[in-house]
Amino acid sequence: MQLVETENVCEGQDSRISLASQQVRHKREMTRRFTSRLNQVVLS
């Protein structure tokens, strides 16, 4: 019984961590696009 419970907790943490890393990756991508667009405006 305890084994199953700890496994479920580990799975929950893994999914939460992967979700957080996806959000971080998304933010980085948006920041990169924003800065490149900004550079185009400044350079043109």
Protein backbone atom coordinates (compact mmCIF):
# COMPACT_ATOMS: atom_id res chain seq x y z
CA MET A 1 0.00 0.00 0.00
CA GLN A 2 2.71 2.48 0.97
CA LEU A 3 4.75 1.60 -2.11
CA VAL A 4 1.87 2.47 -4.43
CA GLU A 5 1.29 5.76 -2.62
CA THR A 6 4.92 6.84 -2.93
CA GLU A 7 4.92 5.89 -6.63
CA ASN A 8 1.89 8.09 -7.23
CA VAL A 9 3.56 10.99 -5.42
CA CYS A 10 6.70 10.59 -7.54
CA GLU A 11 4.63 10.56 -10.73
CA GLY A 12 2.83 13.71 -9.66
CA GLN A 13 6.12 15.49 -8.98
CA ASP A 14 7.53 14.38 -12.36
CA SER A 15 4.52 15.72 -14.25
CA ARG A 16 4.67 18.99 -12.29
CA ILE A 17 8.39 19.38 -13.02
CA SER A 18 7.91 18.66 -16.74
CA LEU A 19 5.04 21.15 -16.87
CA ALA A 20 7.22 23.81 -15.22
CA SER A 21 10.10 23.15 -17.63
CA GLN A 22 7.70 23.43 -20.58
CA GLN A 23 6.51 26.82 -19.30
CA VAL A 24 10.11 28.00 -18.87
CA ARG A 25 10.94 26.86 -22.40
CA HIS A 26 7.86 28.69 -23.72
CA LYS A 27 8.84 31.90 -21.90
CA ARG A 28 12.38 31.70 -23.31
CA GLU A 29 11.01 31.22 -26.83
CA MET A 30 8.67 34.20 -26.48
CA THR A 31 11.48 36.35 -25.06
CA ARG A 32 13.75 35.34 -27.95
CA ARG A 33 11.09 36.24 -30.52
CA PHE A 34 10.38 39.54 -28.79
CA THR A 35 14.06 40.55 -28.68
CA SER A 36 14.62 39.57 -32.33
CA ARG A 37 11.58 41.62 -33.37
CA LEU A 38 12.86 44.51 -31.27
CA ASN A 39 16.28 44.27 -32.92
CA GLN A 40 14.69 44.34 -36.38
CA VAL A 41 12.78 47.51 -35.50
CA VAL A 42 15.87 49.19 -34.05
CA LEU A 43 18.15 48.19 -36.93
CA SER A 44 15.70 49.12 -39.71
